[in-house]
Protein backbone atom coordinates (compact mmCIF):
# COMPACT_ATOMS: atom_id res chain seq x y z
CA UNK A 1 93.20 93.60 253.48
CA UNK A 2 91.66 90.18 253.23
CA UNK A 3 88.57 91.76 251.79
CA UNK A 4 90.60 93.53 249.11
CA UNK A 5 92.35 90.29 248.15
CA UNK A 6 89.03 88.53 247.85
CA UNK A 7 87.73 91.20 245.55
CA UNK A 8 90.82 91.05 243.37
CA UNK A 9 90.63 87.23 243.24
CA UNK A 10 87.01 87.37 242.19
CA UNK A 11 87.71 89.92 239.48
CA UNK A 12 90.55 87.81 238.10
CA UNK A 13 88.31 84.79 238.12
CA UNK A 14 85.57 86.62 236.24
CA UNK A 15 88.08 87.95 233.74
CA UNK A 16 89.32 84.46 233.10
CA UNK A 17 85.80 83.16 232.60
CA UNK A 18 85.08 85.99 230.24
CA UNK A 19 88.16 85.21 228.22
CA UNK A 20 87.23 81.55 228.02
CA UNK A 21 83.67 82.34 226.95
CA UNK A 22 84.81 84.75 224.27
CA UNK A 23 87.21 82.16 222.87
CA UNK A 24 84.49 79.62 222.76
CA UNK A 25 82.16 81.96 220.86
CA UNK A 26 84.74 82.69 218.18
CA UNK A 27 85.58 79.04 217.48
CA UNK A 28 84.56 77.69 214.00
CA UNK A 29 81.28 75.70 213.85
CA UNK A 30 81.50 71.94 213.63
CA UNK A 31 81.53 70.31 210.19
CA UNK A 32 78.07 69.39 208.95
CA UNK A 33 77.15 65.75 209.17
CA UNK A 34 76.85 63.52 206.07
CA UNK A 35 73.06 63.53 206.43
CA UNK A 36 73.04 67.35 206.46
CA UNK A 37 75.24 67.41 203.36
CA UNK A 38 72.87 65.01 201.59
CA UNK A 39 69.87 67.15 202.49
CA UNK A 40 71.49 70.28 201.15
CA UNK A 41 72.99 68.71 197.98
CA UNK A 42 71.78 70.24 194.69
CA UNK A 43 68.89 68.35 192.98
CA UNK A 44 69.73 65.94 190.19
CA UNK A 45 69.67 67.20 186.64
CA UNK A 46 66.18 67.58 185.25
CA UNK A 47 67.30 67.48 181.61
CA UNK A 48 65.15 64.76 179.94
CA UNK A 49 66.84 61.73 178.53
CA UNK A 50 67.03 61.41 174.81
CA UNK A 51 64.05 59.54 173.42
CA UNK A 52 63.31 58.27 169.93
CA UNK A 53 61.37 60.75 167.84
CA UNK A 54 60.48 58.27 165.09
CA UNK A 55 56.71 58.61 164.59
CA UNK A 56 54.54 55.51 164.74
CA UNK A 57 52.70 54.80 161.55
CA UNK A 58 49.36 53.04 161.32
CA UNK A 59 48.08 51.47 158.15
CA UNK A 60 45.12 53.51 156.89
CA UNK A 61 41.79 51.73 156.61
CA UNK A 62 40.88 50.84 153.03
CA UNK A 63 38.31 53.17 151.49
CA UNK A 64 34.67 52.09 151.47
CA UNK A 65 33.26 50.57 148.30
CA UNK A 66 29.68 51.07 147.22
CA UNK A 67 27.52 48.48 145.55
CA UNK A 68 25.17 45.56 146.03
CA UNK A 69 26.48 42.02 145.80
CA UNK A 70 24.43 38.82 145.84
CA UNK A 71 26.22 35.67 147.00
CA UNK A 72 24.68 32.33 146.05
CA UNK A 73 26.02 29.47 148.22
CA UNK A 74 25.28 26.33 146.22
CA UNK A 75 22.72 23.71 147.27
CA UNK A 76 21.32 23.46 150.84
CA UNK A 77 21.46 21.24 153.90
CA UNK A 78 18.03 19.60 153.58
CA UNK A 79 18.00 19.05 149.81
CA UNK A 80 18.94 15.39 150.08
CA UNK A 81 16.02 14.67 152.41
CA UNK A 82 13.49 16.28 150.06
CA UNK A 83 13.97 14.80 146.58
CA UNK A 84 10.37 15.49 145.57
CA UNK A 85 10.95 19.23 145.97
CA UNK A 86 14.37 19.59 144.43
CA UNK A 87 13.57 17.33 141.46
CA UNK A 88 10.66 19.47 140.34
CA UNK A 89 11.38 21.03 136.94
CA UNK A 90 11.73 24.80 136.73
CA UNK A 91 12.68 27.27 133.95
CA UNK A 92 16.42 27.31 133.24
CA UNK A 93 16.63 29.81 130.37
CA UNK A 94 17.12 29.30 126.64
CA UNK A 95 13.76 27.54 126.52
CA UNK A 96 14.93 24.74 128.82
CA UNK A 97 13.87 23.31 132.15
CA UNK A 98 16.01 21.77 134.87
CA UNK A 99 15.49 20.28 138.32
CA UNK A 100 14.85 22.90 140.98
CA UNK A 101 18.16 22.11 142.70
CA UNK A 102 20.51 19.25 143.51
CA UNK A 103 22.12 17.76 146.59
CA UNK A 104 25.64 18.76 145.58
CA UNK A 105 28.69 16.61 146.04
CA UNK A 106 30.96 15.75 148.99
CA UNK A 107 34.54 14.85 149.83
CA UNK A 108 35.57 11.21 150.16
CA UNK A 109 35.25 11.63 153.94
CA UNK A 110 31.68 12.88 153.58
CA UNK A 111 32.09 16.65 154.06
CA UNK A 112 29.24 18.11 151.95
CA UNK A 113 29.48 20.79 149.32
CA UNK A 114 26.52 22.71 150.76
CA UNK A 115 28.38 23.19 154.08
CA UNK A 116 31.52 24.40 152.30
CA UNK A 117 29.67 26.88 150.09
CA UNK A 118 27.72 28.25 153.06
CA UNK A 119 30.84 28.75 155.17
CA UNK A 120 32.69 30.50 152.36
CA UNK A 121 29.70 32.71 151.51
CA UNK A 122 29.26 34.05 155.03
CA UNK A 123 33.00 34.76 155.24
CA UNK A 124 32.90 36.64 151.93
CA UNK A 125 29.89 38.58 153.19
CA UNK A 126 31.78 39.69 156.32
CA UNK A 127 34.74 40.93 154.24
CA UNK A 128 32.54 42.86 151.82
CA UNK A 129 30.30 44.38 154.48
CA UNK A 130 33.38 45.63 156.31
CA UNK A 131 34.16 47.62 153.15
CA UNK A 132 30.67 49.16 153.04
CA UNK A 133 29.11 46.85 150.43
CA UNK A 134 25.50 45.71 150.77
CA UNK A 135 25.44 41.91 150.60
CA UNK A 136 22.49 39.58 150.15
CA UNK A 137 22.47 35.79 150.21
CA UNK A 138 20.14 33.57 148.22
CA UNK A 139 19.49 31.40 151.30
CA UNK A 140 19.42 32.39 154.98
CA UNK A 141 21.15 29.32 156.45
CA UNK A 142 22.37 25.80 155.70
CA UNK A 143 19.32 23.95 157.03
CA UNK A 144 16.72 24.56 154.33
CA UNK A 145 15.53 23.26 150.97
CA UNK A 146 16.48 24.94 147.72
CA UNK A 147 15.71 27.60 146.69
CA UNK A 148 15.31 26.63 143.07
CA UNK A 149 17.78 27.94 140.49
CA UNK A 150 15.21 30.33 138.98
CA UNK A 151 14.47 31.75 142.46
CA UNK A 152 18.16 32.23 143.12
CA UNK A 153 18.54 34.18 139.87
CA UNK A 154 15.56 36.34 140.87
CA UNK A 155 17.31 37.42 144.09
CA UNK A 156 20.09 39.10 142.12
CA UNK A 157 17.69 40.55 139.54
CA UNK A 158 15.33 42.00 142.16
CA UNK A 159 18.23 43.52 144.10
CA UNK A 160 19.64 45.15 140.94
CA UNK A 161 22.93 43.61 142.06
CA UNK A 162 26.18 45.00 140.75
CA UNK A 163 27.59 41.46 140.88
CA UNK A 164 26.20 37.98 141.50
CA UNK A 165 28.62 35.24 142.51
CA UNK A 166 27.50 31.64 142.89
CA UNK A 167 29.88 29.53 145.00
CA UNK A 168 30.32 25.81 144.37
CA UNK A 169 32.82 22.94 144.47
CA UNK A 170 33.01 20.29 141.78
CA UNK A 171 32.81 16.52 142.11
CA UNK A 172 34.90 15.02 139.33
CA UNK A 173 35.31 11.26 139.64
CA UNK A 174 38.97 11.64 138.61
CA UNK A 175 40.86 12.19 141.89
CA UNK A 176 43.82 13.65 140.00
CA UNK A 177 41.66 16.43 138.55
CA UNK A 178 42.07 19.66 140.48
CA UNK A 179 41.93 23.44 140.29
CA UNK A 180 39.19 26.05 140.06
CA UNK A 181 37.28 27.47 137.13
CA UNK A 182 34.80 30.32 136.71
CA UNK A 183 31.69 29.82 134.56
CA UNK A 184 29.68 32.53 132.83
CA UNK A 185 26.67 32.50 130.51
CA UNK A 186 27.65 32.19 126.86
CA UNK A 187 26.48 33.14 124.35
CA UNK A 188 25.01 36.07 126.30
CA UNK A 189 21.25 36.48 126.44
CA UNK A 190 21.33 40.15 127.52
CA UNK A 191 23.79 43.01 127.94
CA UNK A 192 24.72 42.09 131.51
CA UNK A 193 25.74 38.59 130.40
CA UNK A 194 28.14 40.09 127.86
CA UNK A 195 31.15 42.23 128.76
CA UNK A 196 30.18 42.82 132.43
CA UNK A 197 29.89 39.11 133.23
CA UNK A 198 33.05 38.28 131.31
CA UNK A 199 34.94 41.01 133.20
CA UNK A 200 33.59 39.69 136.50
CA UNK A 201 34.71 36.18 135.52
CA UNK A 202 38.20 37.42 134.74
CA UNK A 203 38.61 39.39 137.97
CA UNK A 204 37.33 36.40 139.91
CA UNK A 205 39.80 34.14 138.12
CA UNK A 206 42.64 36.57 138.79
CA UNK A 207 41.70 36.92 142.48
CA UNK A 208 41.83 33.17 143.04
CA UNK A 209 44.97 32.72 140.97
CA UNK A 210 46.77 35.55 142.79
CA UNK A 211 45.93 33.82 146.08
CA UNK A 212 47.80 30.73 144.87
CA UNK A 213 44.89 28.53 143.82
CA UNK A 214 45.64 26.53 140.65
CA UNK A 215 43.60 26.80 137.47
CA UNK A 216 41.45 23.82 136.59
CA UNK A 217 43.25 20.98 134.88
CA UNK A 218 40.06 19.40 133.56
CA UNK A 219 37.37 22.05 132.82
CA UNK A 220 37.51 25.18 130.70
CA UNK A 221 40.54 27.07 129.49
CA UNK A 222 42.76 29.43 131.51
CA UNK A 223 40.36 29.15 134.44
CA UNK A 224 37.29 30.28 132.47
CA UNK A 225 34.36 28.15 131.32
CA UNK A 226 31.62 29.58 129.03
CA UNK A 227 28.34 27.72 129.68
CA UNK A 228 24.84 27.76 128.17
CA UNK A 229 23.23 25.20 130.50
CA UNK A 230 23.35 26.80 133.97
CA UNK A 231 19.93 28.13 134.89
CA UNK A 232 21.11 30.62 137.49
CA UNK A 233 23.39 32.29 134.94
CA UNK A 234 20.99 32.07 131.98
CA UNK A 235 18.18 33.74 133.94
CA UNK A 236 20.31 36.53 135.37
CA UNK A 237 19.89 40.09 134.13
CA UNK A 238 22.85 41.21 136.28
CA UNK A 239 26.58 40.46 135.88
CA UNK A 240 26.86 36.91 137.20
CA UNK A 241 29.40 34.10 137.46
CA UNK A 242 29.63 30.68 139.08
CA UNK A 243 32.87 29.72 140.82
CA UNK A 244 33.77 26.04 141.02
CA UNK A 245 36.47 26.24 143.71
CA UNK A 246 38.00 22.87 142.89
CA UNK A 247 37.43 19.12 143.00
CA UNK A 248 36.07 17.72 146.26
CA UNK A 249 37.31 14.25 145.23
CA UNK A 250 40.91 15.45 145.06
CA UNK A 251 42.60 14.71 148.38
CA UNK A 252 44.50 17.99 148.70
CA UNK A 253 41.56 20.17 147.75
CA UNK A 254 39.19 18.14 149.90
CA UNK A 255 41.40 18.87 152.91
CA UNK A 256 41.28 22.61 152.15
CA UNK A 257 37.51 22.57 151.63
CA UNK A 258 36.99 20.85 154.99
CA UNK A 259 39.15 23.17 157.08
CA UNK A 260 38.32 26.63 158.44
CA UNK A 261 41.72 27.86 157.24
CA UNK A 262 41.02 26.68 153.72
CA UNK A 263 37.55 28.21 153.75
CA UNK A 264 39.01 31.53 154.90
CA UNK A 265 41.53 31.43 152.06
CA UNK A 266 38.86 30.81 149.43
CA UNK A 267 36.66 33.53 150.91
CA UNK A 268 39.47 36.08 150.91
CA UNK A 269 40.30 35.35 147.26
CA UNK A 270 36.68 35.54 146.12
CA UNK A 271 36.15 38.77 148.03
CA UNK A 272 39.30 40.23 146.48
CA UNK A 273 38.00 39.47 142.99
CA UNK A 274 34.66 41.13 143.74
CA UNK A 275 36.36 44.22 145.17
CA UNK A 276 38.52 44.62 142.08
CA UNK A 277 35.43 44.32 139.90
CA UNK A 278 33.54 46.98 141.87
CA UNK A 279 36.47 49.40 142.07
């Protein structure tokens, strides 16, 4: 009897355990943690943000220009120390002779014309070469003597230059006198000194005027000056002009001549005139 009761008790106990276990197995799973929810969250939208579709524009490079240009920076650095050389007479055209060269002028503060013309010439050369133009200078630096005016003319003639531009600055004793002028050989001695040189003079005048430089108040008319006494122009068989950029004795122009900014401005204007002529 006791044994039977024990068996029944054990069976009831096992049945109760089974019931408890079954209830536990059918219970709902616990809620996922916040971390689990974050891990299983859908990825953020991959739709790209709106961006500007305005295309960037770059300024096209200017087209190359063909031609040969001779630049003649007036005077030279050692002329003043060699008067016996530069005072020697040489042919100057029209049956005349003139001194080989001169020392040039200077500002009231002593800045020399030869330094100004050299600085402007090399800046013009850089602008023209960047456009594909072959450029030659009548002197290699600012530390030499001469060359003589007839030798300078020969550089342009031998190169069959499309344009020859001599760069100078004037030295009027009147400090109020100011402005540039462009000289050309007149009356012409050959075909190149006729219409081609006059057209070069006009484009040079217009280039400087468009850049804001004033026309001469004391030489020539409307920025042009026909001359029969300049050896470099008389002896040229190529279109040639001489640019007097202004008066070195005028305070405002002297300041521009002496400064890199002023030299850059003159160079840009001269280069612009040459480019228009060659176009």
